[in-house]
Protein backbone atom coordinates (compact mmCIF):
# COMPACT_ATOMS: atom_id res chain seq x y z
CA MET A 1 45.36 -149.85 -34.56
CA LEU A 2 42.32 -148.81 -37.58
CA PRO A 3 43.78 -145.43 -39.85
CA GLU A 4 40.42 -144.37 -38.31
CA MET A 5 41.00 -144.11 -35.14
CA MET A 6 44.34 -142.56 -34.78
CA PRO A 7 42.92 -138.71 -34.23
CA TYR A 8 41.36 -140.27 -30.92
CA PHE A 9 44.39 -141.86 -29.76
CA ILE A 10 46.31 -138.63 -30.45
CA LEU A 11 43.93 -136.25 -28.86
CA LEU A 12 44.02 -138.67 -25.84
CA MET A 13 47.72 -138.70 -25.44
CA ILE A 14 47.64 -134.82 -26.07
CA THR A 15 44.86 -134.99 -23.27
CA ALA A 16 46.88 -136.92 -20.94
CA ALA A 17 49.78 -135.26 -21.35
CA ILE A 18 48.20 -131.89 -20.87
CA SER A 19 46.52 -133.08 -17.98
CA VAL A 20 49.94 -134.31 -16.24
CA ILE A 21 51.38 -130.87 -16.97
CA LEU A 22 48.20 -129.19 -14.80
CA SER A 23 48.74 -131.80 -12.11
CA TYR A 24 52.48 -130.38 -11.87
CA LEU A 25 51.81 -127.02 -12.05
CA SER A 26 48.96 -126.87 -9.33
CA LEU A 27 51.80 -128.84 -7.25
CA GLY A 28 53.64 -125.63 -7.52
CA LYS A 29 50.86 -123.43 -6.04
CA PRO A 30 50.79 -124.59 -2.67
CA LYS A 31 49.19 -121.65 -0.99
CA THR A 32 46.36 -121.59 -3.00
CA ALA A 33 43.48 -123.10 -1.66
CA GLY A 34 42.58 -126.83 -3.35
CA SER A 35 45.67 -127.11 -5.17
CA LYS A 36 46.63 -130.55 -3.61
CA PRO A 37 43.05 -132.27 -4.73
CA PHE A 38 43.63 -130.57 -7.94
CA SER A 39 46.75 -131.93 -8.68
CA VAL A 40 45.20 -135.58 -8.09
CA LEU A 41 42.17 -134.81 -9.96
CA MET A 42 44.47 -133.83 -12.98
CA LEU A 43 46.49 -137.21 -12.62
CA ALA A 44 43.05 -139.41 -12.59
CA VAL A 45 41.90 -137.29 -15.62
CA ALA A 46 45.48 -138.49 -17.36
CA ILE A 47 45.46 -141.80 -16.26
CA TRP A 48 41.77 -142.50 -17.95
CA SER A 49 43.08 -140.46 -20.95
CA PHE A 50 46.04 -142.40 -21.12
CA ALA A 51 44.30 -146.11 -20.78
CA TYR A 52 41.81 -145.36 -22.65
CA GLY A 53 43.59 -143.76 -25.54
CA PHE A 54 46.03 -147.13 -25.62
CA GLY A 55 42.61 -149.16 -25.57
CA PHE A 56 42.33 -147.91 -28.86
CA GLU A 57 45.65 -149.49 -30.22
CA TYR A 58 44.20 -153.26 -29.44
CA LEU A 59 40.40 -153.34 -30.40
CA ASP A 60 39.26 -156.68 -30.12
CA SER A 61 42.09 -158.20 -28.05
CA ALA A 62 42.86 -158.82 -24.21
CA ASN A 63 45.20 -155.74 -23.87
CA MET A 64 42.37 -153.58 -25.12
CA VAL A 65 40.23 -155.09 -21.89
CA ILE A 66 42.66 -154.63 -19.74
CA TYR A 67 43.88 -150.65 -20.69
CA SER A 68 39.87 -150.08 -20.44
CA LYS A 69 39.89 -151.19 -16.92
CA ILE A 70 42.82 -149.36 -16.05
CA SER A 71 40.94 -145.96 -17.32
CA PHE A 72 38.31 -146.53 -14.84
CA PHE A 73 40.55 -145.84 -11.97
CA GLY A 74 40.51 -142.38 -13.37
CA ILE A 75 36.86 -142.72 -14.02
CA ALA A 76 35.67 -143.72 -10.42
CA LEU A 77 38.09 -141.37 -8.68
CA SER A 78 37.34 -138.37 -10.72
CA PRO A 79 33.91 -137.26 -9.01
CA VAL A 80 35.32 -137.93 -5.00
CA LEU A 81 38.58 -136.03 -6.15
CA TRP A 82 36.56 -132.97 -7.71
CA VAL A 83 34.34 -133.15 -4.67
CA TRP A 84 37.28 -132.61 -2.51
CA PHE A 85 38.86 -130.15 -4.51
CA VAL A 86 35.37 -128.17 -3.75
CA LEU A 87 34.91 -128.37 -0.44
CA GLU A 88 39.10 -127.12 0.40
CA TYR A 89 38.42 -124.09 -1.73
CA THR A 90 36.16 -123.22 -0.60
CA GLY A 91 37.13 -123.72 2.88
CA ARG A 92 35.22 -126.89 4.03
CA GLU A 93 38.18 -129.21 4.09
CA ARG A 94 37.57 -130.04 7.76
CA TYR A 95 34.61 -131.81 6.56
CA ILE A 96 37.16 -134.12 4.45
CA ASN A 97 38.29 -136.29 7.44
CA GLY A 98 39.62 -139.74 7.06
CA LYS A 99 36.09 -141.50 7.63
CA LEU A 100 34.19 -139.32 5.24
CA PHE A 101 36.82 -139.34 2.57
CA SER A 102 36.79 -143.23 2.94
CA ALA A 103 33.18 -143.34 2.58
CA LEU A 104 33.39 -141.22 -0.17
CA LEU A 105 35.41 -144.14 -2.11
CA ILE A 106 33.44 -146.77 -1.00
CA ILE A 107 31.40 -146.90 -4.30
CA PRO A 108 34.63 -145.98 -6.28
CA ALA A 109 36.50 -148.59 -4.88
CA VAL A 110 33.17 -151.41 -5.60
CA THR A 111 33.20 -150.04 -8.95
CA ILE A 112 36.78 -151.23 -9.39
CA LEU A 113 36.22 -154.44 -8.27
CA ILE A 114 33.20 -155.11 -10.80
CA ILE A 115 35.04 -153.69 -13.60
CA SER A 116 37.46 -156.33 -12.81
CA SER A 117 35.24 -159.12 -12.53
CA ASN A 118 32.88 -157.99 -15.34
CA ASP A 119 33.41 -160.67 -17.74
CA VAL A 120 32.36 -163.33 -15.14
CA TYR A 121 29.54 -161.30 -13.67
CA SER A 122 28.25 -158.67 -16.09
CA LEU A 123 27.09 -156.16 -13.72
CA TYR A 124 28.71 -152.74 -15.12
CA TYR A 125 28.46 -153.76 -18.86
CA THR A 126 25.81 -156.59 -20.14
CA TYR A 127 28.15 -158.73 -22.63
CA ASP A 128 31.20 -157.38 -24.06
CA SER A 129 30.75 -153.55 -24.27
CA MET A 130 34.21 -152.78 -23.39
CA VAL A 131 35.05 -154.18 -27.24
CA PHE A 132 35.83 -150.42 -28.95
CA PRO A 133 33.38 -149.83 -30.94
CA VAL A 134 30.90 -149.70 -27.70
CA GLN A 135 28.25 -151.62 -27.36
CA ASN A 136 25.60 -150.20 -25.41
CA GLY A 137 24.53 -152.41 -22.90
CA TYR A 138 24.62 -151.68 -19.21
CA GLY A 139 24.13 -153.45 -16.26
CA PRO A 140 22.63 -152.35 -12.84
CA TRP A 141 25.99 -151.02 -11.17
CA TYR A 142 26.61 -149.21 -14.32
CA TYR A 143 23.68 -146.95 -13.04
CA VAL A 144 24.69 -146.55 -9.29
CA HIS A 145 28.22 -145.47 -10.40
CA LYS A 146 26.59 -142.98 -12.99
CA ALA A 147 24.03 -141.80 -10.40
CA TYR A 148 26.98 -141.42 -8.04
CA SER A 149 29.23 -139.56 -9.91
CA TYR A 150 26.65 -137.17 -11.02
CA LEU A 151 25.66 -136.63 -7.41
CA LEU A 152 29.10 -135.96 -6.48
CA ILE A 153 29.57 -133.47 -9.07
CA ILE A 154 26.77 -131.74 -8.49
CA SER A 155 27.32 -131.62 -4.82
CA GLY A 156 30.21 -129.54 -5.47
CA LEU A 157 28.21 -127.07 -7.70
CA PHE A 158 25.86 -126.33 -5.07
CA TYR A 159 28.89 -125.46 -2.78
CA LEU A 160 30.55 -123.25 -5.74
CA SER A 161 26.96 -121.60 -6.08
CA LYS A 162 26.77 -120.73 -2.48
CA VAL A 163 30.37 -119.22 -1.78
CA TYR A 164 29.25 -117.64 -4.94
CA ILE A 165 26.74 -115.67 -3.34
CA GLU A 166 28.54 -114.96 -0.24
CA SER A 167 31.48 -114.07 -1.44
CA PRO A 168 32.06 -110.34 -2.96
CA ASP A 169 32.92 -109.07 -6.43
CA TYR A 170 36.68 -109.33 -6.22
CA TYR A 171 36.25 -113.30 -5.71
CA ARG A 172 33.41 -114.45 -8.51
CA PRO A 173 35.21 -114.08 -11.88
CA GLY A 174 37.33 -116.98 -10.41
CA ILE A 175 34.44 -118.65 -8.65
CA LEU A 176 32.81 -118.22 -11.90
CA LEU A 177 35.10 -120.02 -13.95
CA VAL A 178 34.75 -123.39 -11.74
CA ILE A 179 31.40 -122.94 -12.05
CA VAL A 180 31.56 -122.65 -15.29
CA GLY A 181 34.15 -125.86 -15.24
CA ALA A 182 32.43 -128.28 -13.46
CA PHE A 183 29.52 -128.28 -16.15
CA LEU A 184 31.64 -129.25 -18.90
CA PRO A 185 32.13 -133.46 -17.78
CA LEU A 186 28.61 -133.63 -17.41
CA ILE A 187 27.48 -132.04 -20.74
CA GLY A 188 30.26 -133.96 -22.24
CA ASN A 189 28.94 -137.82 -20.50
CA PHE A 190 25.33 -136.84 -21.11
CA ILE A 191 26.04 -136.23 -24.72
CA TYR A 192 27.49 -139.73 -24.83
CA ALA A 193 25.61 -141.53 -23.27
CA SER A 194 22.82 -140.20 -24.55
CA GLY A 195 23.54 -140.56 -28.52
CA MET A 196 23.02 -136.94 -29.09
CA ILE A 197 25.53 -137.02 -31.50
CA PRO A 198 25.49 -140.26 -34.33
CA GLY A 199 28.35 -142.22 -34.81
CA LEU A 200 29.98 -141.04 -31.99
CA PHE A 201 31.53 -144.52 -30.53
CA PHE A 202 33.94 -143.25 -28.05
CA ASP A 203 33.65 -141.40 -24.53
CA ILE A 204 34.15 -138.01 -24.98
CA THR A 205 33.99 -137.15 -21.30
CA PRO A 206 37.92 -136.84 -21.17
CA PHE A 207 38.09 -134.01 -22.85
CA PHE A 208 35.74 -132.14 -21.28
CA PHE A 209 37.32 -132.79 -18.04
CA LEU A 210 40.65 -131.18 -19.51
CA LEU A 211 38.74 -128.31 -20.34
CA THR A 212 37.61 -128.13 -16.87
CA GLY A 213 40.95 -128.57 -15.83
CA VAL A 214 42.38 -125.68 -17.84
CA ILE A 215 39.37 -123.45 -16.73
CA VAL A 216 39.73 -124.37 -13.20
CA TYR A 217 43.52 -123.55 -13.40
CA THR A 218 43.06 -120.50 -15.16
CA GLY A 219 40.18 -119.39 -12.71
CA VAL A 220 42.06 -120.34 -9.34
CA PHE A 221 46.16 -120.55 -9.98
CA ARG A 222 46.46 -118.18 -12.89
CA GLN A 223 43.62 -115.26 -12.70
CA ASN A 224 45.03 -112.24 -10.34
CA SER A 225 42.76 -113.82 -7.51
CA PRO A 226 43.57 -114.10 -3.77
CA GLU A 227 45.63 -117.00 -3.03
CA ILE A 228 43.19 -117.65 -0.34
CA MET A 229 39.99 -119.70 -0.07
CA PRO A 230 36.88 -117.79 -1.08
CA VAL A 231 35.43 -117.65 2.08
CA VAL A 232 36.93 -117.15 5.58
CA TYR A 233 35.24 -118.05 8.73
CA GLY A 234 31.90 -116.87 7.13
CA ASN A 235 29.39 -115.37 9.17
CA LEU A 236 31.27 -115.31 12.05
CA ILE A 237 33.39 -112.33 10.59
CA LYS A 238 30.25 -110.49 9.89
CA VAL A 239 29.54 -109.94 13.15
CA MET A 240 32.78 -109.35 14.60
CA LYS A 241 32.78 -105.92 16.61
CA ASP A 242 36.07 -105.15 15.21
CA SER A 243 37.19 -104.87 11.57
CA VAL A 244 38.62 -107.41 10.15
CA PHE A 245 40.37 -107.45 6.34
CA VAL A 246 41.74 -110.19 4.68
CA LEU A 247 44.87 -109.44 2.86
CA ASP A 248 46.40 -111.57 0.06
CA GLY A 249 50.28 -111.56 -0.40
CA SER A 250 50.41 -108.22 -2.04
CA ASP A 251 48.50 -106.35 0.87
CA THR A 252 45.45 -105.98 -1.12
CA ILE A 253 41.83 -106.07 0.10
CA VAL A 254 39.82 -109.33 -0.78
CA ASP A 255 37.47 -109.44 1.84
CA VAL A 256 36.14 -107.11 4.82
CA ASN A 257 33.51 -107.40 7.37
CA PRO A 258 30.43 -104.55 7.94
CA SER A 259 33.10 -103.36 10.89
CA GLY A 260 35.83 -102.68 8.37
CA VAL A 261 33.52 -100.92 6.14
CA LEU A 262 32.15 -98.78 8.70
CA LEU A 263 35.32 -98.10 10.16
CA THR A 264 36.77 -97.18 6.75
CA GLY A 265 33.53 -94.88 5.68
CA LYS A 266 34.23 -96.75 1.71
CA ASN A 267 31.52 -99.09 0.08
CA ARG A 268 32.64 -102.30 0.52
CA ASP A 269 33.01 -102.47 -3.61
CA LEU A 270 35.58 -99.97 -3.13
CA LEU A 271 37.65 -101.61 -0.51
CA VAL A 272 38.12 -104.62 -2.16
CA GLY A 273 40.96 -105.06 -5.10
CA GLN A 274 42.77 -102.14 -3.41
CA LYS A 275 45.58 -101.73 -1.03
CA ILE A 276 45.30 -101.83 2.66
CA TYR A 277 47.72 -98.72 2.61
CA CYS A 278 45.08 -96.31 0.70
CA PHE A 279 43.17 -96.78 3.74
CA PHE A 280 45.45 -96.78 7.06
CA SER A 281 48.54 -95.18 6.34
CA PHE A 282 50.37 -96.48 9.57
CA MET A 283 50.63 -99.84 7.88
CA HIS A 284 53.67 -98.64 6.29
CA ASP A 285 55.00 -97.90 9.70
CA LEU A 286 53.85 -101.47 10.61
CA LYS A 287 55.69 -102.98 8.18
CA ASN A 288 58.85 -101.28 8.13
CA ARG A 289 59.30 -101.61 11.95
CA TYR A 290 58.51 -105.30 11.89
CA PRO A 291 60.14 -106.13 8.96
CA GLY A 292 59.69 -109.96 7.51
CA CYS A 293 57.11 -110.70 10.46
CA ASP A 294 54.11 -112.76 9.75
CA THR A 295 52.70 -112.03 12.97
CA ILE A 296 52.23 -108.49 14.71
CA ASP A 297 50.42 -107.20 17.86
CA ASP A 298 50.92 -103.36 18.00
CA VAL A 299 48.96 -100.06 18.59
CA ALA A 300 48.67 -97.20 15.73
CA GLU A 301 48.24 -93.76 17.20
CA PHE A 302 47.65 -90.75 14.89
CA TYR A 303 45.46 -87.87 14.05
CA HIS A 304 42.61 -87.59 11.77
CA ASN A 305 41.41 -84.31 10.38
CA GLY A 306 42.50 -82.87 14.01
CA VAL A 307 41.20 -85.55 15.88
CA PHE A 308 42.89 -88.22 17.54
CA ARG A 309 42.81 -91.46 16.95
CA CYS A 310 44.22 -95.20 18.57
CA TYR A 311 43.65 -98.31 16.71
CA SER A 312 44.67 -102.13 18.59
CA VAL A 313 46.15 -103.87 15.08
CA SER A 314 46.83 -107.36 15.28
CA ILE A 315 48.14 -109.30 11.94
CA THR A 316 47.71 -112.87 11.61
CA PRO A 317 48.77 -115.16 9.16
CA LEU A 318 46.27 -117.47 7.35
CA PHE A 319 46.56 -121.00 5.78
CA ALA A 320 44.69 -123.16 3.93
CA GLY A 321 45.62 -126.26 2.98
CA SER A 322 49.26 -125.66 3.61
CA SER A 323 51.72 -125.06 6.26
CA GLU A 324 52.19 -122.17 4.59
CA ASN A 325 51.33 -118.52 4.68
CA ASN A 326 48.75 -117.75 2.00
CA GLY A 327 47.35 -113.88 3.24
CA ARG A 328 46.82 -112.35 6.29
CA LEU A 329 44.16 -111.39 8.46
CA LEU A 330 44.23 -107.90 9.72
CA ILE A 331 41.91 -107.20 12.81
CA ILE A 332 41.55 -103.59 13.94
CA ARG A 333 39.94 -102.52 17.24
CA ASP A 334 39.22 -98.54 17.73
CA ILE A 335 40.72 -97.82 20.47
CA SER A 336 40.96 -94.61 20.78
CA GLU A 337 38.15 -93.83 23.53
CA ASN A 338 39.79 -96.27 25.89
CA LYS A 339 43.44 -94.68 25.14
CA ILE A 340 41.78 -91.03 25.77
CA SER A 341 40.43 -92.39 29.30
CA GLU A 342 43.99 -94.13 29.64
CA ASN A 343 45.87 -90.57 29.62
CA ALA A 344 43.34 -88.74 30.81
CA LEU A 345 43.92 -91.55 34.15
CA ARG A 346 47.44 -91.64 33.28
CA SER A 347 47.89 -87.69 33.56
CA SER A 348 45.17 -87.88 36.85
CA GLU A 349 48.08 -90.18 38.29
CA HIS A 350 50.56 -87.88 37.48
CA LYS A 351 48.88 -85.26 38.47
CA TYR A 352 48.12 -87.15 42.07
CA ARG A 353 51.79 -88.45 42.42
CA THR A 354 53.22 -84.93 42.51
CA LEU A 355 51.03 -84.00 44.70
CA PHE A 356 51.84 -86.78 46.44
CA ASN A 357 55.29 -86.10 46.54
CA ASN A 358 55.26 -82.47 47.28
CA ILE A 359 53.07 -82.85 50.42
CA LYS A 360 55.28 -81.23 53.67
CA ASP A 361 54.31 -84.08 55.92
CA GLY A 362 55.54 -87.84 55.21
CA VAL A 363 52.62 -89.80 53.73
CA ILE A 364 53.05 -93.76 54.45
CA LEU A 365 50.42 -95.62 52.79
CA HIS A 366 50.63 -99.38 55.18
CA ARG A 367 48.43 -102.38 56.09
CA ILE A 368 47.53 -103.04 59.87
CA SER A 369 49.68 -105.00 61.92
CA GLU A 370 48.41 -107.58 64.59
CA SER A 371 50.16 -105.90 67.03
CA GLY A 372 49.69 -102.34 66.04
CA ILE A 373 48.95 -99.73 63.37
CA LEU A 374 51.96 -99.56 61.57
CA GLY A 375 52.30 -102.90 59.22
CA GLU A 376 53.60 -103.24 55.57
CA ILE A 377 54.35 -100.76 53.72
CA ILE A 378 52.95 -99.95 50.76
CA ASP A 379 54.27 -96.74 49.34
CA VAL A 380 55.36 -93.68 51.07
CA ASN A 381 55.90 -89.62 49.66
CA ASP A 382 59.40 -88.58 48.74
CA PHE A 383 59.03 -86.48 52.12
CA ALA A 384 58.56 -89.70 54.17
CA CYS A 385 62.13 -90.78 52.55
CA SER A 386 64.13 -87.60 53.58
CA LEU A 387 61.99 -88.36 57.06
CA PHE A 388 63.51 -91.66 57.58
CA GLU A 389 66.27 -90.73 55.44
CA MET A 390 65.83 -94.13 53.48
CA SER A 391 64.79 -94.90 49.78
CA LYS A 392 61.56 -95.84 48.90
CA ALA A 393 62.22 -98.76 47.80
CA GLU A 394 64.26 -99.76 51.02
CA LEU A 395 61.18 -98.74 52.95
CA CYS A 396 58.61 -100.30 50.94
CA LYS A 397 61.02 -103.85 50.58
CA ILE A 398 59.88 -104.13 54.50
CA ASN A 399 57.31 -104.57 57.19
CA GLY A 400 56.87 -101.87 59.19
CA GLU A 401 57.32 -103.09 62.83
CA GLN A 402 61.15 -104.19 61.23
CA ILE A 403 62.01 -100.37 61.11
CA SER A 404 64.40 -100.28 64.09
CA GLY A 405 64.64 -96.96 65.67
CA VAL A 406 62.09 -95.59 63.03
CA ILE A 407 58.72 -94.63 64.19
CA VAL A 408 58.08 -95.65 67.50
CA TYR A 409 54.20 -96.57 67.58
CA GLU A 410 54.58 -98.43 70.76
CA HIS A 411 52.56 -100.71 69.41
CA ASP A 412 49.53 -99.45 70.81
CA LEU A 413 46.40 -102.01 71.07
CA ALA A 414 44.40 -98.87 72.31
CA ARG A 415 45.04 -96.88 69.44
CA LEU A 416 44.51 -99.55 66.99
CA ASN A 417 41.11 -100.85 68.59
CA ARG A 418 39.95 -97.12 68.35
CA LEU A 419 41.52 -96.80 64.70
CA LEU A 420 39.37 -99.39 63.54
CA ASP A 421 35.94 -98.07 65.53
CA THR A 422 36.04 -94.67 64.69
CA GLY A 423 38.40 -95.24 60.83
CA TYR A 424 40.50 -92.51 62.39
CA VAL A 425 43.15 -92.00 65.12
CA SER A 426 45.81 -89.32 65.94
CA PHE A 427 48.92 -89.12 68.48
CA GLU A 428 52.18 -87.98 69.15
CA THR A 429 55.41 -89.90 69.33
CA SER A 430 58.89 -89.45 68.29
CA PHE A 431 61.42 -91.47 65.80
CA VAL A 432 64.95 -91.17 65.63
CA ARG A 433 66.37 -90.98 62.25
CA LYS A 434 70.33 -93.07 60.88
CA ASP A 435 71.73 -89.94 62.53
CA GLY A 436 70.67 -90.67 65.76
CA LEU A 437 68.98 -87.54 65.91
CA LYS A 438 65.40 -87.92 68.10
CA LEU A 439 62.53 -86.15 66.12
CA PRO A 440 59.26 -85.37 67.77
CA VAL A 441 56.07 -86.11 65.51
CA ILE A 442 52.66 -86.34 65.08
CA VAL A 443 50.42 -89.20 63.39
CA SER A 444 47.28 -88.67 62.07
CA SER A 445 45.85 -92.80 60.53
CA HIS A 446 42.92 -92.98 58.25
CA ILE A 447 41.85 -96.57 57.47
CA PHE A 448 39.98 -96.92 54.02
CA SER A 449 39.22 -99.92 51.77
CA LEU A 450 41.35 -100.48 48.87
CA GLY A 451 40.59 -103.57 46.39
CA GLY A 452 38.88 -105.32 49.30
CA GLU A 453 41.71 -104.82 51.86
CA GLU A 454 41.66 -102.65 55.07
CA ILE A 455 45.08 -100.18 54.17
CA VAL A 456 45.99 -97.06 56.74
CA LEU A 457 46.94 -93.56 55.21
CA SER A 458 48.85 -92.17 57.89
CA LEU A 459 50.47 -88.62 57.91
CA VAL A 460 53.70 -87.91 59.64
CA ARG A 461 54.67 -84.43 60.86
CA ASP A 462 57.72 -83.22 61.77
CA ILE A 463 56.63 -81.28 65.29
CA SER A 464 60.49 -80.55 66.18
CA SER A 465 60.42 -76.63 64.68
CA GLN A 466 56.95 -76.00 67.16
CA LYS A 467 58.69 -77.92 70.11
CA GLU A 468 61.67 -75.71 69.83
CA ILE A 469 59.69 -73.00 69.99
CA GLN A 470 57.87 -73.64 72.43
CA LYS A 471 61.15 -74.24 74.45
CA ARG A 472 62.16 -70.56 73.75
CA GLU A 473 58.53 -69.28 74.63
CA MET A 474 59.20 -71.14 78.12
CA SER A 475 62.77 -69.85 78.73
CA ALA A 476 61.36 -66.38 77.77
CA LEU A 477 58.49 -67.20 80.74
CA LEU A 478 60.84 -68.25 83.06
CA GLN A 479 63.33 -64.88 82.58
CA ILE A 480 59.95 -62.70 82.82
CA GLU A 481 59.43 -64.74 86.41
CA LYS A 482 62.71 -64.31 87.49
CA ASN A 483 62.50 -60.39 86.97
CA ILE A 484 59.24 -60.30 88.96
CA GLU A 485 60.95 -61.88 91.88
CA GLN A 486 64.17 -59.91 91.91
CA MET A 487 61.57 -56.58 91.06
CA SER A 488 60.05 -57.80 94.15
CA LEU A 489 63.53 -58.13 96.06
CA LEU A 490 64.69 -54.81 95.09
CA ASN A 491 61.47 -52.93 96.15
CA ASP A 492 61.80 -54.83 99.30
CA ASN A 493 65.52 -54.35 99.58
CA ILE A 494 65.55 -50.61 98.38
CA ARG A 495 62.73 -48.68 99.63
CA ASN A 496 62.82 -49.95 103.22
CA PRO A 497 65.96 -48.28 103.93
CA LEU A 498 65.68 -45.36 101.62
CA ALA A 499 62.80 -44.43 103.79
CA VAL A 500 64.85 -44.22 106.70
CA ILE A 501 67.33 -42.52 105.24
CA VAL A 502 64.88 -39.78 104.16
CA GLY A 503 63.25 -40.06 107.73
CA LEU A 504 66.58 -39.53 109.79
CA SER A 505 67.58 -36.62 106.70
CA SER A 506 64.60 -34.83 107.49
CA LEU A 507 65.61 -33.63 111.23
CA ASP A 508 68.53 -32.02 110.43
CA ASP A 509 67.88 -28.71 108.51
CA THR A 510 71.18 -28.87 107.07
CA ASN A 511 72.26 -28.47 103.24
CA HIS A 512 73.67 -31.64 103.30
CA SER A 513 70.21 -33.25 104.84
CA ARG A 514 68.52 -31.68 101.56
CA ILE A 515 71.04 -33.10 99.29
CA ILE A 516 70.30 -36.39 100.55
CA ILE A 517 66.56 -36.19 100.84
CA GLU A 518 66.50 -34.98 96.93
CA GLU A 519 68.90 -38.05 96.06
CA SER A 520 66.64 -40.32 98.10
CA HIS A 521 63.52 -38.94 95.85
CA LYS A 522 65.71 -39.88 92.57
CA ILE A 523 66.25 -43.21 93.53
CA ASP A 524 62.62 -43.83 94.66
CA GLU A 525 61.20 -42.29 91.56
CA ILE A 526 63.80 -44.98 89.91
CA VAL A 527 62.77 -47.62 91.87
CA LYS A 528 58.60 -46.52 91.18
CA LYS A 529 59.83 -46.93 87.44
CA LEU A 530 61.31 -50.36 87.91
CA ASP A 531 58.19 -51.35 90.08
CA LEU A 532 55.84 -50.36 87.01
CA GLY A 533 58.05 -52.71 84.36
CA CYS A 534 57.49 -55.46 87.43
CA LEU A 535 53.68 -55.31 87.18
CA GLU A 536 53.57 -55.12 83.15
CA SER A 537 55.60 -57.91 83.31
CA GLU A 538 53.09 -59.66 85.21
CA LYS A 539 50.23 -58.35 83.70
CA ILE A 540 52.44 -60.27 80.49
CA ARG A 541 52.78 -63.34 82.25
CA GLN A 542 49.10 -63.67 83.01
CA PHE A 543 48.20 -63.17 79.42
CA LEU A 544 50.09 -65.42 78.17
CA MET A 545 49.07 -68.07 80.77
CA LYS A 546 45.72 -67.50 80.79
CA HIS A 547 45.15 -67.48 76.73
CA TYR A 548 47.95 -69.68 75.25
CA ASN A 549 48.14 -72.17 78.08
CA PHE A 550 51.73 -71.51 78.86
CA LYS A 551 52.77 -73.13 82.12
CA LEU A 552 55.82 -72.46 84.04
CA TYR A 553 57.47 -75.26 85.86
CA CYS A 554 59.99 -74.54 88.79
CA GLY A 555 61.75 -78.23 89.62
CA ASP A 556 58.97 -81.06 89.53
CA GLU A 557 55.87 -81.02 87.50
CA PRO A 558 53.22 -80.18 89.94
CA ASP A 559 50.10 -83.01 90.36
């Protein structure tokens, strides 16, 4: 090696060593978008620098040509690896599929083949310009490769610029460093290829690629920036009605959609870079409630300035270029109105259930049987359970027709038809409880539609007390009737003989006759009073029969 070449050799070895270190360090950041392609890119730069440097060791020899050809593995692949890094870093890794990546590698592969056979076909260099110092003589493929490399690097710059414009301020410093780093290889290669610096006989592009690697590593891996891709779902999140917050590993807000800005009432620039706890204190409770959980779905209820608020909170891990969690997506949906309506509905349901269970009639909600009114029981109130002496669970798990010895509906199809025609039917029947007691009831059934199905609501009223009262009233009337009959007998059997006694006594004008006549008049007064009482009882009987429809049955019921 010529003494004047030693500084370049040392610089290239340092470049190769630093590139290897950057490649290794980036592999230790699997959570960061673009870490894998960046690592491979730095490894390609290391191969380029290492082989190019050893070329100085073997000037004017076959070994120099071999190292020069080896360096093209890094030279040809670097632009493709750069595009891979940019696409993954900007959240467009879906474009790097097998077919596209293979297509991008076609020109680099052809370049390596042409370089390998350049001494035969001279398609890249027109003569032995691979010997150091470089002689300017380039074949047609040189320009193809150069244009392709510039196109890929510029395409990466285009995507980076687009992402820079679309990203919030919190992202932009890191993205700007990547953009600056991307320009450096273009500048270095242009200086070398154009001959702007007189006496520059070797390619300085590897040094500029190293600077690019250092700057990109600083901007992406070392800067205090979120370890997630700069664009998360793009416009999709922007148009979502739900509030979406993108959090990094330390729960710092790195992006927020317009709905999230509206929810917090803060400016977007004030949100990005702040802890999520500064705006939603309930996040502390969720974190304590679900320690170590990456995925959380819960509801947060609280009062803000005396106003009830309820949020549906969903926390989902983000993935970018690796299978490890590198951040979280927080989605908040304001369901306060729904919750208020739900609470009102629940309160209304509680009132209904309270009223339902406190009705002093049995309430049965049931379907219609093919053979009668009572079909499968859907719901009953507490009073119905006490009437049947069965629990709600027992009643609701059996068919109405299977309740042996309970309500006797007699499967009257006429009643069913009347119910279907008019929507209402009422009838008197009876049921036998578990203890064997037979109770009379009145059933009133209404039909209505519930969920597209015809359902019957039956009210069952225990009328045993009324029946007992009627029985006592009937007994009293029978006693009145009996008393009337007895009074009639008393009138006939006492007054007639008494009249004879008075007549006979009046024929004998003695003191004894006068006493007999006087006592007879007393007896007549007593009978007269009893007769008046009998007349009053008759009036009572007639009044009850006329106005209250009481009927007296003596023996068999009259036709």
